[in-house]
Amino acid sequence: MLFLGIDAGTTSLKAGLFDERGNARAIVNEEYALVTPAADQAELDPEEYWRACVNAVRRAMTNAPRDEIVGIGVSSQGETTIAVDANGRALRRALVWLDNRASDQARQIAERFDLKRVYEITGDPEIVPTWTACKILWLKQNEPEIFQRAHKFVLVEDFLLHRLTGRFATDGAVACTSMLWDIRRGAWWDEMLAFVGITRERLSEPVSPGDVVGTLTREAASELGLSPKARVVACGMDQAAGAIGAGNIAPGMISESTGAALAIQATMSKSDLDPTGRLPVYVHDVRDAFLFVPVCNTGGMTLRWFRDQFGQEEMRVAREHNRDAYDLLGELAATVEPGCEGLTMLPHLAGAFSPEYNADARGVFYGFTLRHTKAHFARAILESIAFMLKRNLDLMQSLGVAVREVRSTGGGAKSPLWLQIKADVIGAPVITVEQEDTAVLGDAILAAVASGAHKNLDDACAAMVRLRGRLEPNAATRAAYADAFARYCAVYERLYVR
């Protein structure tokens, strides 16, 4: 038996093919480029998600018998909003979660709903343009024709589940950051729906994370080259699926993923463990569990921006010598001492999120001189993401969450330098897993449980998740990083704290 994981991220979709022991038969990545009509806007034609899905699955299946695929797990980014007709076809480009155009709508909601109550019901610590509720209200007020024509407003996971099975379905692990979902009751929040101007019927039908949504339609099976008997499983947001793939399934465990965004996942038994209301609370793919998930929305995307804008030489060398441009940038950054000789970066290229929550924040390079080189700037980006990680872990620790070690996943976990920087900055060991692409592995694990290949999630994770290495913090860098982290915090406060 084989299990397929499909995870639609912000800038790419991944498909992973695994057996019941967690051995990867193939991992395939299909990129897509966001459209940015204005500085605060980010869109994508939803057909790009399906195109990437078809291409990635077909590539992953190159050497695999189609009848051996018994389960398909699907996860995605959260919040991205797609208005579709009754056939599931998009009526306009998706409003990607990074899109901040709905700031007026966020203010309208904030004037109507007390923030403490919003946090208690939804787990969302701030009312910001990111959330799906704000985006739907923006469509209602700015594109009323699209709003009226829309049969449903769906998330990316919902969109793919419908294309795969013909059923409009979602789950609490992806709907939890829409600001439309009651995480305590596990249902749509009718009061917020009424304010936005929609009913439950205009959203996807909820199922539980890990549930079978259906089997492939004949059309989808034909496009993907799979058997129509394959079961399709709802696997929630990429953060929840990624926690599963890292083996983070019980309270006391912490993982972090540096992909397009930086996200930290701490498994919790209850949704009300943060009296300060600063840590986002998500629904976990683990039944009756939750996740603290502080998110920094332009984590690894900041390095991608730097590669695309200033790494042309590295990309050329990578093409010519079969290397990775990110590895070359990492080698360049490694030539610089910790602290970058005073150069500090704020990686808020699309606003700041956890724990600052400031949509107006912007990226900053501070303190560079004639001495600073491209290598310094590359290292400053790596250090800035580690500083965001530390800020959020410090907040968790202040609430009694022990940070004994952190499992590191995502594309950033492929960089030994970045892993060591993180360990040094947070002052705790960083554990790597054999399969860095934990979201697609988590999807496959959930699909394996839903298909009966493993009795339960504990058994599946024990069989399919394997640890790879452990990096201890280097005491020799402690002073340099303490100074650099203090500068990072001070620059943000001087620029943005009034």
Protein backbone atom coordinates (compact mmCIF):
# COMPACT_ATOMS: atom_id res chain seq x y z
CA MET A 1 0.00 0.00 0.00
CA LEU A 2 1.11 3.54 -0.80
CA PHE A 3 -0.15 6.88 0.50
CA LEU A 4 -0.06 10.22 -1.25
CA GLY A 5 0.29 13.52 0.60
CA ILE A 6 -0.69 16.77 -1.14
CA ASP A 7 0.09 20.10 0.51
CA ALA A 8 -0.73 23.40 -1.22
CA GLY A 9 1.52 26.07 0.25
CA THR A 10 1.82 29.78 -0.42
CA THR A 11 4.26 29.63 -3.32
CA SER A 12 4.29 25.95 -4.25
CA LEU A 13 2.42 22.66 -3.99
CA LYS A 14 4.14 19.49 -2.87
CA ALA A 15 3.17 15.90 -3.43
CA GLY A 16 4.81 13.10 -1.48
CA LEU A 17 4.46 9.36 -1.99
CA PHE A 18 5.09 7.13 1.06
CA ASP A 19 4.73 3.53 2.11
CA GLU A 20 3.27 2.41 5.46
CA ARG A 21 6.74 2.65 7.11
CA GLY A 22 7.14 6.30 6.12
CA ASN A 23 9.70 5.63 3.40
CA ALA A 24 9.48 8.33 0.74
CA ARG A 25 9.11 6.99 -2.78
CA ALA A 26 8.96 10.50 -4.29
CA ILE A 27 8.73 14.15 -3.20
CA VAL A 28 7.78 16.60 -5.94
CA ASN A 29 7.46 20.39 -5.79
CA GLU A 30 5.50 22.57 -8.24
CA GLU A 31 5.95 26.33 -7.87
CA TYR A 32 3.50 29.08 -8.76
CA ALA A 33 3.98 32.84 -8.76
CA LEU A 34 1.70 35.15 -6.82
CA VAL A 35 0.18 38.15 -8.56
CA THR A 36 0.65 41.44 -6.67
CA PRO A 37 -1.63 44.12 -8.19
CA ALA A 38 -0.56 46.52 -5.40
CA ALA A 39 1.89 46.57 -2.51
CA ASP A 40 -0.66 45.20 -0.03
CA GLN A 41 -2.29 42.69 -2.37
CA ALA A 42 -1.54 39.07 -3.24
CA GLU A 43 -3.64 36.94 -5.59
CA LEU A 44 -3.46 33.69 -7.53
CA ASP A 45 -5.64 32.02 -10.15
CA PRO A 46 -7.04 28.98 -8.26
CA GLU A 47 -6.57 26.87 -11.37
CA GLU A 48 -2.86 27.16 -10.60
CA TYR A 49 -3.42 25.10 -7.45
CA TRP A 50 -5.11 22.37 -9.49
CA ARG A 51 -2.52 22.56 -12.30
CA ALA A 52 0.26 22.20 -9.73
CA CYS A 53 -1.61 19.33 -8.06
CA VAL A 54 -2.02 17.39 -11.29
CA ASN A 55 1.58 17.96 -12.38
CA ALA A 56 3.03 17.10 -8.96
CA VAL A 57 1.00 13.92 -8.55
CA ARG A 58 1.79 12.68 -12.06
CA ARG A 59 5.50 13.33 -11.48
CA ALA A 60 5.40 11.60 -8.09
CA MET A 61 3.65 8.60 -9.65
CA THR A 62 6.19 8.08 -12.44
CA ASN A 63 7.38 4.71 -11.14
CA ALA A 64 4.46 3.71 -8.92
CA PRO A 65 1.55 1.40 -9.82
CA ARG A 66 -1.65 3.47 -9.70
CA ASP A 67 -3.65 0.73 -7.92
CA GLU A 68 -1.27 0.77 -4.93
CA ILE A 69 -2.42 4.29 -3.93
CA VAL A 70 -5.12 3.62 -1.34
CA GLY A 71 -5.19 6.97 0.50
CA ILE A 72 -4.64 10.61 -0.42
CA GLY A 73 -4.23 13.22 2.33
CA VAL A 74 -4.77 16.89 1.46
CA SER A 75 -3.65 19.94 3.45
CA SER A 76 -3.09 23.56 2.53
CA GLN A 77 -2.25 27.06 3.64
CA GLY A 78 -4.98 28.75 5.62
CA GLU A 79 -7.12 31.88 5.15
CA THR A 80 -6.73 32.17 1.36
CA THR A 81 -10.24 32.86 0.07
CA ILE A 82 -11.75 31.57 -3.18
CA ALA A 83 -15.21 32.52 -4.46
CA VAL A 84 -16.60 29.65 -6.54
CA ASP A 85 -19.75 28.77 -8.46
CA ALA A 86 -21.84 25.64 -7.89
CA ASN A 87 -19.39 23.61 -9.99
CA GLY A 88 -16.43 24.70 -7.89
CA ARG A 89 -15.03 26.99 -10.57
CA ALA A 90 -13.43 30.20 -9.34
CA LEU A 91 -15.16 33.49 -10.11
CA ARG A 92 -12.00 35.55 -9.62
CA ARG A 93 -8.42 35.13 -8.49
CA ALA A 94 -7.96 33.86 -4.93
CA LEU A 95 -7.28 36.42 -2.23
CA VAL A 96 -4.12 34.88 -0.80
CA TRP A 97 -3.67 34.96 2.98
CA LEU A 98 -0.82 37.48 2.62
CA ASP A 99 -3.25 39.97 1.05
CA ASN A 100 -3.83 42.95 3.37
CA ARG A 101 -6.38 44.93 1.34
CA ALA A 102 -9.19 44.18 3.82
CA SER A 103 -7.85 46.52 6.51
CA ASP A 104 -11.04 48.62 6.55
CA GLN A 105 -13.12 45.47 6.92
CA ALA A 106 -10.90 44.31 9.80
CA ARG A 107 -11.56 47.64 11.52
CA GLN A 108 -15.31 47.25 10.97
CA ILE A 109 -15.25 43.83 12.61
CA ALA A 110 -13.10 45.15 15.47
CA GLU A 111 -15.66 47.88 16.13
CA ARG A 112 -18.43 45.29 16.39
CA PHE A 113 -16.71 42.42 18.23
CA ASP A 114 -14.70 42.53 21.44
CA LEU A 115 -11.20 41.18 20.78
CA LYS A 116 -11.15 39.06 23.94
CA ARG A 117 -14.35 37.33 22.86
CA VAL A 118 -13.03 36.79 19.33
CA TYR A 119 -9.92 35.15 20.79
CA GLU A 120 -11.94 32.91 23.12
CA ILE A 121 -14.15 31.69 20.26
CA THR A 122 -11.73 31.54 17.32
CA GLY A 123 -8.22 31.48 18.79
CA ASP A 124 -7.29 34.45 16.58
CA PRO A 125 -5.33 36.93 18.75
CA GLU A 126 -5.87 39.99 16.55
CA ILE A 127 -8.45 41.15 14.03
CA VAL A 128 -6.35 41.63 10.92
CA PRO A 129 -6.93 41.60 7.13
CA THR A 130 -5.43 38.09 6.91
CA TRP A 131 -8.54 36.30 8.13
CA THR A 132 -11.08 34.90 5.70
CA ALA A 133 -13.95 36.78 7.38
CA CYS A 134 -12.30 40.10 6.48
CA LYS A 135 -11.66 39.00 2.91
CA ILE A 136 -15.27 37.89 2.37
CA LEU A 137 -16.52 41.18 3.78
CA TRP A 138 -14.15 43.01 1.41
CA LEU A 139 -15.66 41.13 -1.54
CA LYS A 140 -19.16 42.01 -0.35
CA GLN A 141 -18.33 45.72 -0.14
CA ASN A 142 -16.00 46.09 -3.11
CA GLU A 143 -17.03 43.39 -5.61
CA PRO A 144 -20.73 42.91 -4.88
CA GLU A 145 -21.39 41.11 -8.18
CA ILE A 146 -18.79 38.45 -7.34
CA PHE A 147 -20.14 38.23 -3.79
CA GLN A 148 -23.70 37.68 -4.99
CA ARG A 149 -22.73 35.16 -7.69
CA ALA A 150 -20.58 33.07 -5.36
CA HIS A 151 -22.14 29.74 -4.50
CA LYS A 152 -19.54 29.21 -1.79
CA PHE A 153 -16.44 30.82 -0.31
CA VAL A 154 -13.82 28.10 0.10
CA LEU A 155 -10.28 27.67 1.37
CA VAL A 156 -7.52 26.09 -0.72
CA GLU A 157 -7.93 22.68 0.93
CA ASP A 158 -11.68 22.85 0.25
CA PHE A 159 -11.03 23.79 -3.38
CA LEU A 160 -8.76 20.79 -3.92
CA LEU A 161 -11.03 18.40 -2.02
CA HIS A 162 -13.91 19.42 -4.28
CA ARG A 163 -11.85 18.94 -7.44
CA LEU A 164 -10.79 15.52 -6.17
CA THR A 165 -14.11 14.20 -4.83
CA GLY A 166 -16.89 16.53 -6.04
CA ARG A 167 -17.75 17.35 -2.41
CA PHE A 168 -17.42 20.79 -0.77
CA ALA A 169 -15.77 19.83 2.52
CA THR A 170 -13.47 21.44 5.06
CA ASP A 171 -12.24 20.69 8.58
CA GLY A 172 -11.60 22.65 11.74
CA ALA A 173 -7.83 22.33 11.42
CA VAL A 174 -7.88 24.58 8.33
CA ALA A 175 -11.04 26.62 9.05
CA CYS A 176 -9.76 27.63 12.50
CA THR A 177 -7.99 30.75 11.22
CA SER A 178 -10.87 32.01 9.11
CA MET A 179 -12.32 33.95 12.09
CA LEU A 180 -15.54 32.17 11.12
CA TRP A 181 -14.90 28.96 13.10
CA ASP A 182 -15.71 28.30 16.76
CA ILE A 183 -12.76 26.19 17.92
CA ARG A 184 -14.49 25.23 21.18
CA ARG A 185 -17.70 23.96 19.58
CA GLY A 186 -16.14 22.70 16.35
CA ALA A 187 -18.63 24.51 14.14
CA TRP A 188 -19.13 27.67 12.11
CA TRP A 189 -19.64 30.80 14.25
CA ASP A 190 -23.08 31.99 13.20
CA GLU A 191 -22.78 35.47 14.75
CA MET A 192 -19.69 36.30 12.69
CA LEU A 193 -21.25 34.77 9.58
CA ALA A 194 -24.28 37.03 10.00
CA PHE A 195 -22.10 40.12 10.34
CA VAL A 196 -20.14 39.23 7.21
CA GLY A 197 -23.40 38.55 5.39
CA ILE A 198 -23.31 34.82 4.64
CA THR A 199 -24.89 31.62 5.91
CA ARG A 200 -23.35 28.22 6.61
CA GLU A 201 -24.65 27.02 3.26
CA ARG A 202 -22.20 29.36 1.53
CA LEU A 203 -19.25 27.65 3.22
CA SER A 204 -17.94 24.10 2.95
CA GLU A 205 -19.43 21.24 4.95
CA PRO A 206 -17.30 20.53 8.05
CA VAL A 207 -15.75 17.11 8.66
CA SER A 208 -13.27 16.11 11.35
CA PRO A 209 -9.53 16.32 10.59
CA GLY A 210 -8.42 12.92 9.34
CA ASP A 211 -11.87 11.98 8.00
CA VAL A 212 -12.40 10.43 4.58
CA VAL A 213 -14.17 12.98 2.37
CA GLY A 214 -14.82 10.53 -0.45
CA THR A 215 -13.11 8.75 -3.32
CA LEU A 216 -11.73 10.27 -6.48
CA THR A 217 -14.19 11.25 -9.17
CA ARG A 218 -13.56 9.55 -12.49
CA GLU A 219 -12.55 12.90 -13.99
CA ALA A 220 -10.01 13.59 -11.22
CA ALA A 221 -8.69 10.03 -11.35
CA SER A 222 -8.16 10.36 -15.09
CA GLU A 223 -6.33 13.69 -14.78
CA LEU A 224 -4.12 12.45 -11.95
CA GLY A 225 -3.52 8.98 -13.38
CA LEU A 226 -4.87 7.27 -10.23
CA SER A 227 -7.49 4.69 -9.37
CA PRO A 228 -10.95 6.13 -8.59
CA LYS A 229 -11.01 3.85 -5.53
CA ALA A 230 -8.40 5.97 -3.69
CA ARG A 231 -9.77 7.52 -0.50
CA VAL A 232 -9.33 11.28 -0.09
CA VAL A 233 -8.71 12.53 3.46
CA ALA A 234 -9.05 16.06 4.91
CA CYS A 235 -5.80 16.89 6.71
CA GLY A 236 -6.27 20.51 7.77
CA MET A 237 -3.80 23.34 7.57
CA ASP A 238 -0.21 22.73 6.62
CA GLN A 239 0.86 23.63 10.18
CA ALA A 240 -1.26 20.88 11.74
CA ALA A 241 -0.24 18.34 9.10
CA GLY A 242 3.39 19.38 9.53
CA ALA A 243 3.17 18.82 13.29
CA ILE A 244 1.90 15.29 12.60
CA GLY A 245 4.77 14.70 10.19
CA ALA A 246 7.25 15.82 12.86
CA GLY A 247 5.71 13.47 15.41
CA ASN A 248 4.44 16.46 17.41
CA ILE A 249 1.21 14.87 18.66
CA ALA A 250 1.27 15.28 22.47
CA PRO A 251 1.46 18.18 24.95
CA GLY A 252 5.03 19.18 25.73
CA MET A 253 6.26 18.84 22.14
CA ILE A 254 7.35 21.81 20.01
CA SER A 255 8.21 21.94 16.32
CA GLU A 256 8.94 24.76 13.90
CA SER A 257 8.63 24.97 10.15
CA THR A 258 10.53 27.42 8.01
CA GLY A 259 8.90 27.35 4.62
CA ALA A 260 7.41 30.41 2.96
CA ALA A 261 6.40 31.42 6.48
CA LEU A 262 7.98 30.63 9.84
CA ALA A 263 5.52 28.82 12.08
CA ILE A 264 5.95 27.28 15.51
CA GLN A 265 3.70 24.46 16.71
CA ALA A 266 3.21 23.53 20.37
CA THR A 267 0.66 20.81 21.09
CA MET A 268 -1.82 21.76 23.84
CA SER A 269 -4.66 19.88 25.53
CA LYS A 270 -6.90 22.95 25.88
CA SER A 271 -7.66 26.08 23.86
CA ASP A 272 -7.61 28.54 26.80
CA LEU A 273 -4.05 28.25 28.07
CA ASP A 274 -2.94 31.78 27.11
CA PRO A 275 -4.57 34.39 29.37
CA THR A 276 -2.65 37.14 27.56
CA GLY A 277 -4.46 36.40 24.28
CA ARG A 278 -1.26 36.81 22.24
CA LEU A 279 -0.62 33.28 20.96
CA PRO A 280 -2.73 32.01 18.04
CA VAL A 281 -4.62 28.82 18.90
CA TYR A 282 -5.25 26.38 16.06
CA VAL A 283 -7.20 23.13 15.92
CA HIS A 284 -4.82 20.17 15.76
CA ASP A 285 -5.21 17.17 13.48
CA VAL A 286 -5.01 15.18 16.72
CA ARG A 287 -8.55 14.61 17.97
CA ASP A 288 -9.53 16.96 20.84
CA ALA A 289 -6.16 18.74 20.82
CA PHE A 290 -5.00 22.23 19.90
CA LEU A 291 -1.83 23.97 18.79
CA PHE A 292 -0.21 27.22 19.77
CA VAL A 293 0.92 28.40 16.32
CA PRO A 294 2.71 31.73 16.25
CA VAL A 295 3.27 32.55 12.57
CA CYS A 296 5.73 34.96 10.97
CA ASN A 297 4.33 35.39 7.51
CA THR A 298 7.48 36.08 5.49
CA GLY A 299 9.95 33.64 7.00
CA GLY A 300 11.62 31.61 4.27
CA MET A 301 9.91 33.81 1.70
CA THR A 302 12.31 36.57 2.76
CA LEU A 303 15.26 34.42 1.69
CA ARG A 304 13.50 33.57 -1.56
CA TRP A 305 12.99 37.30 -2.22
CA PHE A 306 16.72 37.87 -1.62
CA ARG A 307 17.62 34.97 -3.92
CA ASP A 308 15.36 36.21 -6.70
CA GLN A 309 16.43 39.85 -6.49
CA PHE A 310 20.13 39.60 -5.57
CA GLY A 311 21.13 35.97 -6.11
CA GLN A 312 21.34 35.87 -9.90
CA GLU A 313 24.95 34.73 -9.78
CA GLU A 314 24.13 31.93 -7.32
CA MET A 315 21.20 30.81 -9.49
CA ARG A 316 23.46 30.77 -12.56
CA VAL A 317 26.15 28.73 -10.79
CA ALA A 318 23.48 26.40 -9.41
CA ARG A 319 22.12 25.73 -12.90
CA GLU A 320 25.54 25.13 -14.38
CA HIS A 321 26.86 22.88 -11.59
CA ASN A 322 23.70 21.12 -10.46
CA ARG A 323 23.71 22.90 -7.10
CA ASP A 324 21.03 24.63 -5.06
CA ALA A 325 21.15 28.44 -5.04
CA TYR A 326 20.03 28.44 -1.39
CA ASP A 327 23.01 26.24 -0.48
CA LEU A 328 25.33 28.69 -2.21
CA LEU A 329 23.81 31.61 -0.33
CA GLY A 330 24.24 29.64 2.89
CA GLU A 331 27.91 29.05 2.13
CA LEU A 332 28.26 32.78 1.52
CA ALA A 333 26.54 33.61 4.82
CA ALA A 334 28.78 31.18 6.69
CA THR A 335 31.79 33.41 5.95
CA VAL A 336 30.36 36.09 8.28
CA GLU A 337 30.62 36.08 12.07
CA PRO A 338 27.47 35.81 14.24
CA GLY A 339 25.80 39.19 14.60
CA CYS A 340 26.76 40.31 11.07
CA GLU A 341 29.01 43.06 12.44
CA GLY A 342 26.03 45.12 13.50
CA LEU A 343 23.76 44.56 10.49
CA THR A 344 20.18 43.84 11.58
CA MET A 345 17.20 42.85 9.49
CA LEU A 346 13.47 43.01 10.19
CA PRO A 347 11.95 40.43 7.79
CA HIS A 348 8.46 41.96 7.69
CA LEU A 349 8.08 42.14 3.90
CA ALA A 350 4.29 41.76 4.13
CA GLY A 351 3.61 43.15 7.61
CA ALA A 352 4.49 41.67 10.98
CA PHE A 353 2.55 38.88 12.59
CA SER A 354 3.26 36.92 15.78
CA PRO A 355 3.89 38.38 18.26
CA GLU A 356 3.78 41.99 16.95
CA TYR A 357 0.59 41.94 14.82
CA ASN A 358 1.33 44.99 12.75
CA ALA A 359 0.10 44.92 9.15
CA ASP A 360 1.88 48.24 8.49
CA ALA A 361 5.37 46.95 9.41
CA ARG A 362 7.86 46.64 6.56
CA GLY A 363 11.19 44.97 5.90
CA VAL A 364 14.27 46.80 7.17
CA PHE A 365 18.04 46.43 6.88
CA TYR A 366 19.53 48.54 9.67
CA GLY A 367 23.11 49.41 10.49
CA PHE A 368 24.96 48.59 7.29
CA THR A 369 28.20 50.38 6.44
CA LEU A 370 30.77 50.42 3.67
CA ARG A 371 32.24 47.26 5.21
CA HIS A 372 29.12 45.16 4.79
CA THR A 373 28.89 42.79 1.84
CA LYS A 374 26.31 40.58 0.18
CA ALA A 375 27.37 37.82 2.58
CA HIS A 376 26.41 39.98 5.57
CA PHE A 377 22.97 40.63 4.13
CA ALA A 378 22.41 36.92 3.46
CA ARG A 379 23.37 36.00 7.03
CA ALA A 380 21.28 38.84 8.47
CA ILE A 381 18.20 37.24 6.86
CA LEU A 382 18.97 33.84 8.42
CA GLU A 383 19.52 35.44 11.83
CA SER A 384 16.34 37.53 11.60
CA ILE A 385 14.19 34.40 11.22
CA ALA A 386 15.92 32.86 14.25
CA PHE A 387 15.17 36.04 16.20
CA MET A 388 11.47 35.78 15.29
CA LEU A 389 11.57 32.17 16.50
CA LYS A 390 13.10 33.26 19.81
CA ARG A 391 10.58 36.06 20.37
CA ASN A 392 7.72 33.60 20.10
CA LEU A 393 9.37 30.87 22.17
CA ASP A 394 10.11 33.46 24.86
CA LEU A 395 6.40 34.31 24.97
CA MET A 396 5.48 30.64 25.27
CA GLN A 397 7.96 30.16 28.09
CA SER A 398 6.47 33.12 29.95
CA LEU A 399 3.17 31.17 29.95
CA GLY A 400 4.78 28.05 31.37
CA VAL A 401 5.44 26.15 28.14
CA ALA A 402 8.76 24.34 28.53
CA VAL A 403 11.16 24.65 25.61
CA ARG A 404 13.49 21.69 26.09
CA GLU A 405 14.08 21.08 22.40
CA VAL A 406 12.58 22.08 19.07
CA ARG A 407 12.01 19.83 16.07
CA SER A 408 12.91 21.75 12.92
CA THR A 409 11.16 21.06 9.63
CA GLY A 410 10.46 22.63 6.24
CA GLY A 411 12.88 23.83 3.59
CA GLY A 412 14.90 25.77 6.15
CA ALA A 413 15.81 22.52 7.90
CA LYS A 414 17.94 21.59 4.89
CA SER A 415 20.48 24.27 5.84
CA PRO A 416 22.99 23.17 8.54
CA LEU A 417 24.02 26.79 9.06
CA TRP A 418 20.43 27.97 9.60
CA LEU A 419 19.76 25.11 12.02
CA GLN A 420 22.87 25.98 14.05
CA ILE A 421 21.93 29.68 14.10
CA LYS A 422 18.50 28.76 15.47
CA ALA A 423 19.97 26.49 18.16
CA ASP A 424 22.45 29.20 19.19
CA VAL A 425 19.83 31.97 19.27
CA ILE A 426 17.17 30.06 21.24
CA GLY A 427 19.70 28.35 23.51
CA ALA A 428 18.12 24.91 23.11
CA PRO A 429 18.81 21.82 21.00
CA VAL A 430 17.32 21.68 17.52
CA ILE A 431 16.23 18.22 16.35
CA THR A 432 15.98 17.36 12.68
CA VAL A 433 13.73 14.72 11.18
CA GLU A 434 14.57 12.40 8.34
CA GLN A 435 11.74 13.79 6.21
CA GLU A 436 11.87 17.62 6.27
CA ASP A 437 8.71 17.91 4.19
CA THR A 438 6.60 17.05 7.20
CA ALA A 439 3.29 18.41 5.86
CA VAL A 440 3.11 15.86 3.03
CA LEU A 441 4.33 13.14 5.39
CA GLY A 442 1.66 14.18 7.89
CA ASP A 443 -0.93 13.99 5.11
CA ALA A 444 0.25 10.48 4.26
CA ILE A 445 0.18 9.45 7.94
CA LEU A 446 -3.42 10.62 8.31
CA ALA A 447 -4.34 8.88 5.05
CA ALA A 448 -2.70 5.68 6.31
CA VAL A 449 -4.75 5.78 9.53
CA ALA A 450 -7.97 6.55 7.64
CA SER A 451 -7.26 3.65 5.27
CA GLY A 452 -6.67 1.18 8.10
CA ALA A 453 -2.96 0.64 7.49
CA HIS A 454 -2.28 1.70 11.09
CA LYS A 455 -4.56 1.27 14.08
CA ASN A 456 -4.24 4.84 15.34
CA LEU A 457 -2.19 8.02 15.04
CA ASP A 458 0.29 7.02 17.75
CA ASP A 459 1.13 3.78 15.95
CA ALA A 460 1.34 5.53 12.58
CA CYS A 461 3.75 8.21 13.84
CA ALA A 462 5.88 5.59 15.61
CA ALA A 463 6.19 3.70 12.34
CA MET A 464 6.47 6.59 9.86
CA VAL A 465 8.36 9.44 11.64
CA ARG A 466 12.12 9.11 12.10
CA LEU A 467 14.52 11.58 13.73
CA ARG A 468 17.77 12.40 11.94
CA GLY A 469 20.07 14.59 14.02
CA ARG A 470 20.52 16.94 16.97
CA LEU A 471 22.32 20.28 17.06
CA GLU A 472 23.33 21.65 20.45
CA PRO A 473 23.65 25.41 21.05
CA ASN A 474 27.19 26.74 20.83
CA ALA A 475 28.09 28.56 24.04
CA ALA A 476 30.78 30.57 22.23
CA THR A 477 28.15 32.49 20.25
CA ARG A 478 25.87 33.30 23.22
CA ALA A 479 27.11 36.85 23.83
CA ALA A 480 27.12 37.81 20.14
CA TYR A 481 23.56 36.61 19.65
CA ALA A 482 22.34 38.19 22.87
CA ASP A 483 23.56 41.55 21.56
CA ALA A 484 22.18 40.94 18.08
CA PHE A 485 18.78 39.89 19.42
CA ALA A 486 18.61 42.98 21.62
CA ARG A 487 19.35 45.13 18.54
CA TYR A 488 16.62 43.32 16.59
CA CYS A 489 14.04 44.06 19.28
CA ALA A 490 15.20 47.66 19.69
CA VAL A 491 15.00 48.42 15.96
CA TYR A 492 11.41 47.18 15.80
CA GLU A 493 10.41 49.12 18.90
CA ARG A 494 11.98 52.37 17.67
CA LEU A 495 10.30 52.11 14.30
CA TYR A 496 6.88 50.75 15.16
CA VAL A 497 6.07 50.98 18.87
CA ARG A 498 4.35 54.26 19.68
